[in-house]
Amino acid sequence: MKSSSISPERALQIILAPQISEKATLIAEKDNQIVFRVLPSADKNEIKAAVEYLWKSQKIEVTKVQISNVKGRQKRFGRYMGRRANWKKAYVGIKKGQEINFSEIIKGED
């Protein structure tokens, strides 16, 4: 996967939030992968470039990116059926021995 240059604005838009769950924690410990909610229009190269840009002070090196589209669930609101929005998550593998510190993120200054 070739890392492409990415604008700081786009990098901040792509990564929405880390996905925190039992499964995500297990994957992080076992496979050294971090799970993120990402923009539905983002592709693998953009996600890789965004992660490496946002945590470049920690010299994070992304080894692989896997993407999964999650369908929104149907929910009942009173007597009406509604639907949650579809979203995309990315499993980002980082180099062995590295760890992302979420408090140290680049906020667009450069």
N, C-alpha and C. Protein backbone atom coordinates (compact mmCIF):
# COMPACT_ATOMS: atom_id res chain seq x y z
N MET A 1 0.84 -1.16 0.00
CA MET A 1 0.00 0.00 0.00
C MET A 1 0.89 1.24 0.00
N LYS A 2 0.73 2.10 -0.94
CA LYS A 2 1.56 3.28 -1.08
C LYS A 2 0.95 4.44 -0.29
N SER A 3 1.77 5.05 0.57
CA SER A 3 1.30 6.17 1.36
C SER A 3 1.29 7.43 0.51
N SER A 4 0.16 8.10 0.44
CA SER A 4 0.06 9.32 -0.35
C SER A 4 0.07 10.52 0.57
N SER A 5 0.44 11.67 0.02
CA SER A 5 0.40 12.88 0.82
C SER A 5 -1.06 13.30 0.98
N ILE A 6 -1.36 13.87 2.12
CA ILE A 6 -2.74 14.22 2.43
C ILE A 6 -2.74 15.60 3.07
N SER A 7 -3.76 16.38 2.78
CA SER A 7 -3.84 17.72 3.38
C SER A 7 -4.21 17.59 4.85
N PRO A 8 -3.75 18.52 5.69
CA PRO A 8 -4.08 18.46 7.12
C PRO A 8 -5.58 18.50 7.39
N GLU A 9 -6.32 19.28 6.58
CA GLU A 9 -7.77 19.38 6.77
C GLU A 9 -8.44 18.03 6.51
N ARG A 10 -8.03 17.37 5.44
CA ARG A 10 -8.62 16.07 5.08
C ARG A 10 -8.26 15.02 6.13
N ALA A 11 -7.03 15.06 6.64
CA ALA A 11 -6.60 14.09 7.66
C ALA A 11 -7.45 14.20 8.91
N LEU A 12 -7.77 15.43 9.30
CA LEU A 12 -8.60 15.63 10.49
C LEU A 12 -10.04 15.21 10.26
N GLN A 13 -10.51 15.23 9.01
CA GLN A 13 -11.88 14.84 8.71
C GLN A 13 -12.03 13.32 8.61
N ILE A 14 -11.01 12.62 8.16
CA ILE A 14 -11.13 11.18 7.87
C ILE A 14 -11.33 10.36 9.14
N ILE A 15 -10.48 10.56 10.14
CA ILE A 15 -10.57 9.78 11.38
C ILE A 15 -11.60 10.45 12.28
N LEU A 16 -12.74 9.78 12.48
CA LEU A 16 -13.81 10.37 13.30
C LEU A 16 -13.59 10.09 14.78
N ALA A 17 -13.31 8.83 15.14
CA ALA A 17 -13.13 8.46 16.54
C ALA A 17 -12.58 7.05 16.63
N PRO A 18 -11.90 6.73 17.72
CA PRO A 18 -11.53 5.33 17.93
C PRO A 18 -12.78 4.55 18.33
N GLN A 19 -12.89 3.32 17.86
CA GLN A 19 -14.02 2.46 18.21
C GLN A 19 -13.62 1.67 19.45
N ILE A 20 -14.31 1.92 20.55
CA ILE A 20 -13.96 1.27 21.81
C ILE A 20 -15.02 0.23 22.13
N SER A 21 -14.58 -1.03 22.16
CA SER A 21 -15.46 -2.14 22.49
C SER A 21 -14.59 -3.30 22.98
N GLU A 22 -15.23 -4.37 23.44
CA GLU A 22 -14.47 -5.55 23.87
C GLU A 22 -13.68 -6.13 22.71
N LYS A 23 -14.33 -6.22 21.56
CA LYS A 23 -13.67 -6.79 20.38
C LYS A 23 -12.48 -5.93 19.95
N ALA A 24 -12.65 -4.62 19.96
CA ALA A 24 -11.57 -3.72 19.56
C ALA A 24 -10.39 -3.81 20.52
N THR A 25 -10.67 -3.94 21.81
CA THR A 25 -9.61 -4.08 22.81
C THR A 25 -8.86 -5.39 22.63
N LEU A 26 -9.59 -6.46 22.37
CA LEU A 26 -8.98 -7.76 22.15
C LEU A 26 -8.08 -7.74 20.92
N ILE A 27 -8.55 -7.12 19.84
CA ILE A 27 -7.77 -7.02 18.61
C ILE A 27 -6.52 -6.16 18.84
N ALA A 28 -6.65 -5.09 19.61
CA ALA A 28 -5.51 -4.22 19.88
C ALA A 28 -4.42 -4.96 20.64
N GLU A 29 -4.81 -5.78 21.61
CA GLU A 29 -3.84 -6.53 22.40
C GLU A 29 -3.23 -7.68 21.61
N LYS A 30 -4.05 -8.38 20.85
CA LYS A 30 -3.60 -9.59 20.16
C LYS A 30 -2.85 -9.29 18.87
N ASP A 31 -3.41 -8.42 18.02
CA ASP A 31 -2.87 -8.22 16.67
C ASP A 31 -2.20 -6.87 16.46
N ASN A 32 -2.11 -6.04 17.51
CA ASN A 32 -1.52 -4.71 17.40
C ASN A 32 -2.25 -3.87 16.34
N GLN A 33 -3.57 -3.90 16.39
CA GLN A 33 -4.41 -3.12 15.48
C GLN A 33 -5.30 -2.19 16.29
N ILE A 34 -5.56 -1.02 15.72
CA ILE A 34 -6.46 -0.05 16.33
C ILE A 34 -7.69 0.07 15.43
N VAL A 35 -8.87 0.15 16.03
CA VAL A 35 -10.11 0.24 15.27
C VAL A 35 -10.63 1.68 15.35
N PHE A 36 -10.89 2.27 14.17
CA PHE A 36 -11.38 3.65 14.09
C PHE A 36 -12.70 3.70 13.34
N ARG A 37 -13.57 4.65 13.73
CA ARG A 37 -14.69 5.04 12.88
C ARG A 37 -14.13 6.05 11.90
N VAL A 38 -14.42 5.85 10.62
CA VAL A 38 -13.86 6.74 9.60
C VAL A 38 -14.96 7.28 8.70
N LEU A 39 -14.61 8.27 7.92
CA LEU A 39 -15.53 8.87 6.96
C LEU A 39 -15.95 7.82 5.93
N PRO A 40 -17.23 7.72 5.59
CA PRO A 40 -17.66 6.70 4.62
C PRO A 40 -17.02 6.83 3.25
N SER A 41 -16.55 8.02 2.89
CA SER A 41 -15.93 8.21 1.57
C SER A 41 -14.43 7.93 1.58
N ALA A 42 -13.85 7.62 2.73
CA ALA A 42 -12.40 7.42 2.83
C ALA A 42 -12.00 6.05 2.28
N ASP A 43 -10.82 6.00 1.64
CA ASP A 43 -10.29 4.72 1.18
C ASP A 43 -9.06 4.35 2.01
N LYS A 44 -8.49 3.17 1.73
CA LYS A 44 -7.40 2.64 2.54
C LYS A 44 -6.17 3.55 2.54
N ASN A 45 -5.80 4.06 1.37
CA ASN A 45 -4.61 4.92 1.29
C ASN A 45 -4.80 6.20 2.09
N GLU A 46 -5.99 6.79 2.03
CA GLU A 46 -6.26 8.01 2.79
C GLU A 46 -6.22 7.74 4.29
N ILE A 47 -6.77 6.61 4.72
CA ILE A 47 -6.78 6.27 6.15
C ILE A 47 -5.35 6.08 6.65
N LYS A 48 -4.54 5.36 5.88
CA LYS A 48 -3.14 5.15 6.25
C LYS A 48 -2.41 6.48 6.37
N ALA A 49 -2.57 7.34 5.37
CA ALA A 49 -1.89 8.64 5.38
C ALA A 49 -2.38 9.51 6.54
N ALA A 50 -3.67 9.45 6.85
CA ALA A 50 -4.23 10.26 7.94
C ALA A 50 -3.69 9.82 9.29
N VAL A 51 -3.63 8.51 9.53
CA VAL A 51 -3.11 8.01 10.81
C VAL A 51 -1.64 8.38 10.96
N GLU A 52 -0.86 8.18 9.90
CA GLU A 52 0.57 8.51 9.97
C GLU A 52 0.78 10.02 10.14
N TYR A 53 -0.08 10.84 9.55
CA TYR A 53 0.04 12.29 9.70
C TYR A 53 -0.35 12.74 11.11
N LEU A 54 -1.48 12.25 11.61
CA LEU A 54 -1.99 12.71 12.90
C LEU A 54 -1.09 12.31 14.07
N TRP A 55 -0.41 11.19 13.95
CA TRP A 55 0.48 10.73 15.01
C TRP A 55 1.94 10.70 14.54
N LYS A 56 2.33 11.67 13.71
CA LYS A 56 3.71 11.65 13.20
C LYS A 56 4.71 12.04 14.28
N SER A 57 4.28 12.70 15.36
CA SER A 57 5.20 12.99 16.47
C SER A 57 5.61 11.71 17.19
N GLN A 58 4.78 10.67 17.11
CA GLN A 58 5.11 9.38 17.72
C GLN A 58 5.76 8.43 16.71
N LYS A 59 5.90 8.89 15.46
CA LYS A 59 6.49 8.09 14.38
C LYS A 59 5.75 6.76 14.19
N ILE A 60 4.42 6.83 14.14
CA ILE A 60 3.59 5.64 13.93
C ILE A 60 3.73 5.19 12.48
N GLU A 61 3.97 3.90 12.29
CA GLU A 61 4.10 3.32 10.96
C GLU A 61 2.97 2.31 10.75
N VAL A 62 2.10 2.57 9.79
CA VAL A 62 0.96 1.70 9.50
C VAL A 62 1.41 0.57 8.59
N THR A 63 1.09 -0.67 8.99
CA THR A 63 1.48 -1.84 8.19
C THR A 63 0.35 -2.30 7.29
N LYS A 64 -0.91 -2.20 7.77
CA LYS A 64 -2.04 -2.62 6.94
C LYS A 64 -3.31 -1.91 7.39
N VAL A 65 -4.26 -1.85 6.46
CA VAL A 65 -5.56 -1.24 6.74
C VAL A 65 -6.64 -2.15 6.17
N GLN A 66 -7.61 -2.51 7.00
CA GLN A 66 -8.77 -3.28 6.55
C GLN A 66 -10.01 -2.43 6.83
N ILE A 67 -10.96 -2.45 5.90
CA ILE A 67 -12.16 -1.62 6.02
C ILE A 67 -13.41 -2.49 6.09
N SER A 68 -14.36 -2.05 6.90
CA SER A 68 -15.63 -2.74 7.02
C SER A 68 -16.76 -1.71 7.02
N ASN A 69 -17.76 -1.93 6.18
CA ASN A 69 -18.95 -1.08 6.18
C ASN A 69 -19.97 -1.69 7.12
N VAL A 70 -20.46 -0.90 8.07
CA VAL A 70 -21.40 -1.37 9.07
C VAL A 70 -22.78 -0.80 8.74
N LYS A 71 -23.75 -1.68 8.58
CA LYS A 71 -25.11 -1.23 8.28
C LYS A 71 -25.79 -0.74 9.55
N GLY A 72 -26.55 0.35 9.41
CA GLY A 72 -27.29 0.90 10.55
C GLY A 72 -28.44 -0.02 10.93
N ARG A 73 -28.68 -0.11 12.22
CA ARG A 73 -29.75 -0.98 12.70
C ARG A 73 -31.09 -0.27 12.64
N GLN A 74 -32.15 -1.08 12.53
CA GLN A 74 -33.50 -0.53 12.61
C GLN A 74 -33.87 -0.39 14.08
N LYS A 75 -34.40 0.76 14.43
CA LYS A 75 -34.79 1.03 15.81
C LYS A 75 -36.22 1.54 15.83
N ARG A 76 -36.90 1.25 16.91
CA ARG A 76 -38.28 1.71 17.08
C ARG A 76 -38.26 2.99 17.92
N PHE A 77 -38.92 4.02 17.42
CA PHE A 77 -39.09 5.27 18.14
C PHE A 77 -40.58 5.43 18.39
N GLY A 78 -41.03 5.00 19.57
CA GLY A 78 -42.46 5.01 19.84
C GLY A 78 -43.14 4.00 18.95
N ARG A 79 -44.09 4.46 18.15
CA ARG A 79 -44.76 3.52 17.24
C ARG A 79 -44.18 3.57 15.83
N TYR A 80 -43.12 4.32 15.65
CA TYR A 80 -42.50 4.45 14.33
C TYR A 80 -41.18 3.70 14.27
N MET A 81 -40.90 3.15 13.10
CA MET A 81 -39.61 2.48 12.90
C MET A 81 -38.64 3.49 12.28
N GLY A 82 -37.47 3.56 12.85
CA GLY A 82 -36.43 4.44 12.33
C GLY A 82 -35.21 3.61 11.99
N ARG A 83 -34.20 4.27 11.51
CA ARG A 83 -32.99 3.56 11.12
C ARG A 83 -31.78 4.41 11.49
N ARG A 84 -30.79 3.76 12.09
CA ARG A 84 -29.53 4.44 12.37
C ARG A 84 -28.72 4.54 11.08
N ALA A 85 -27.82 5.47 11.03
CA ALA A 85 -27.02 5.70 9.82
C ALA A 85 -25.99 4.59 9.63
N ASN A 86 -25.68 4.27 8.38
CA ASN A 86 -24.59 3.36 8.06
C ASN A 86 -23.27 4.07 8.37
N TRP A 87 -22.24 3.30 8.72
CA TRP A 87 -20.94 3.90 8.99
C TRP A 87 -19.84 2.94 8.59
N LYS A 88 -18.64 3.44 8.56
CA LYS A 88 -17.49 2.65 8.12
C LYS A 88 -16.46 2.59 9.24
N LYS A 89 -15.87 1.41 9.43
CA LYS A 89 -14.79 1.31 10.40
C LYS A 89 -13.55 0.75 9.73
N ALA A 90 -12.41 1.12 10.27
CA ALA A 90 -11.13 0.71 9.71
C ALA A 90 -10.30 0.04 10.79
N TYR A 91 -9.76 -1.13 10.46
CA TYR A 91 -8.82 -1.83 11.32
C TYR A 91 -7.43 -1.44 10.83
N VAL A 92 -6.70 -0.67 11.64
CA VAL A 92 -5.40 -0.15 11.25
C VAL A 92 -4.31 -0.91 12.01
N GLY A 93 -3.50 -1.66 11.27
CA GLY A 93 -2.39 -2.39 11.88
C GLY A 93 -1.17 -1.49 11.96
N ILE A 94 -0.54 -1.46 13.14
CA ILE A 94 0.66 -0.65 13.30
C ILE A 94 1.85 -1.56 13.58
N LYS A 95 3.04 -1.03 13.35
CA LYS A 95 4.27 -1.80 13.48
C LYS A 95 4.41 -2.36 14.89
N LYS A 96 4.95 -3.55 14.99
CA LYS A 96 5.10 -4.23 16.28
C LYS A 96 5.95 -3.38 17.23
N GLY A 97 5.50 -3.27 18.46
CA GLY A 97 6.20 -2.49 19.46
C GLY A 97 5.75 -1.04 19.56
N GLN A 98 4.95 -0.58 18.60
CA GLN A 98 4.45 0.80 18.63
C GLN A 98 3.09 0.84 19.31
N GLU A 99 2.78 1.99 19.90
CA GLU A 99 1.50 2.17 20.56
C GLU A 99 1.05 3.61 20.34
N ILE A 100 -0.22 3.80 20.03
CA ILE A 100 -0.75 5.14 19.78
C ILE A 100 -1.20 5.75 21.10
N ASN A 101 -0.70 6.96 21.38
CA ASN A 101 -1.14 7.74 22.53
C ASN A 101 -2.15 8.76 22.00
N PHE A 102 -3.40 8.59 22.35
CA PHE A 102 -4.46 9.43 21.78
C PHE A 102 -4.44 10.86 22.30
N SER A 103 -3.71 11.13 23.38
CA SER A 103 -3.63 12.50 23.88
C SER A 103 -2.64 13.34 23.09
N GLU A 104 -1.75 12.69 22.34
CA GLU A 104 -0.76 13.41 21.53
C GLU A 104 -1.16 13.33 20.06
N ILE A 105 -2.01 14.24 19.64
CA ILE A 105 -2.46 14.27 18.25
C ILE A 105 -2.12 15.64 17.66
N ILE A 106 -1.74 15.66 16.41
CA ILE A 106 -1.45 16.91 15.73
C ILE A 106 -2.77 17.58 15.39
N LYS A 107 -2.91 18.84 15.74
CA LYS A 107 -4.18 19.54 15.56
C LYS A 107 -4.17 20.47 14.35
N GLY A 108 -3.41 20.13 13.32
CA GLY A 108 -3.46 20.92 12.10
C GLY A 108 -2.37 21.98 12.00
N GLU A 109 -1.53 22.15 13.02
CA GLU A 109 -0.44 23.11 12.88
C GLU A 109 0.71 22.43 12.17
N ASP A 110 1.31 23.12 11.25
CA ASP A 110 2.42 22.55 10.49
C ASP A 110 3.08 23.60 9.66
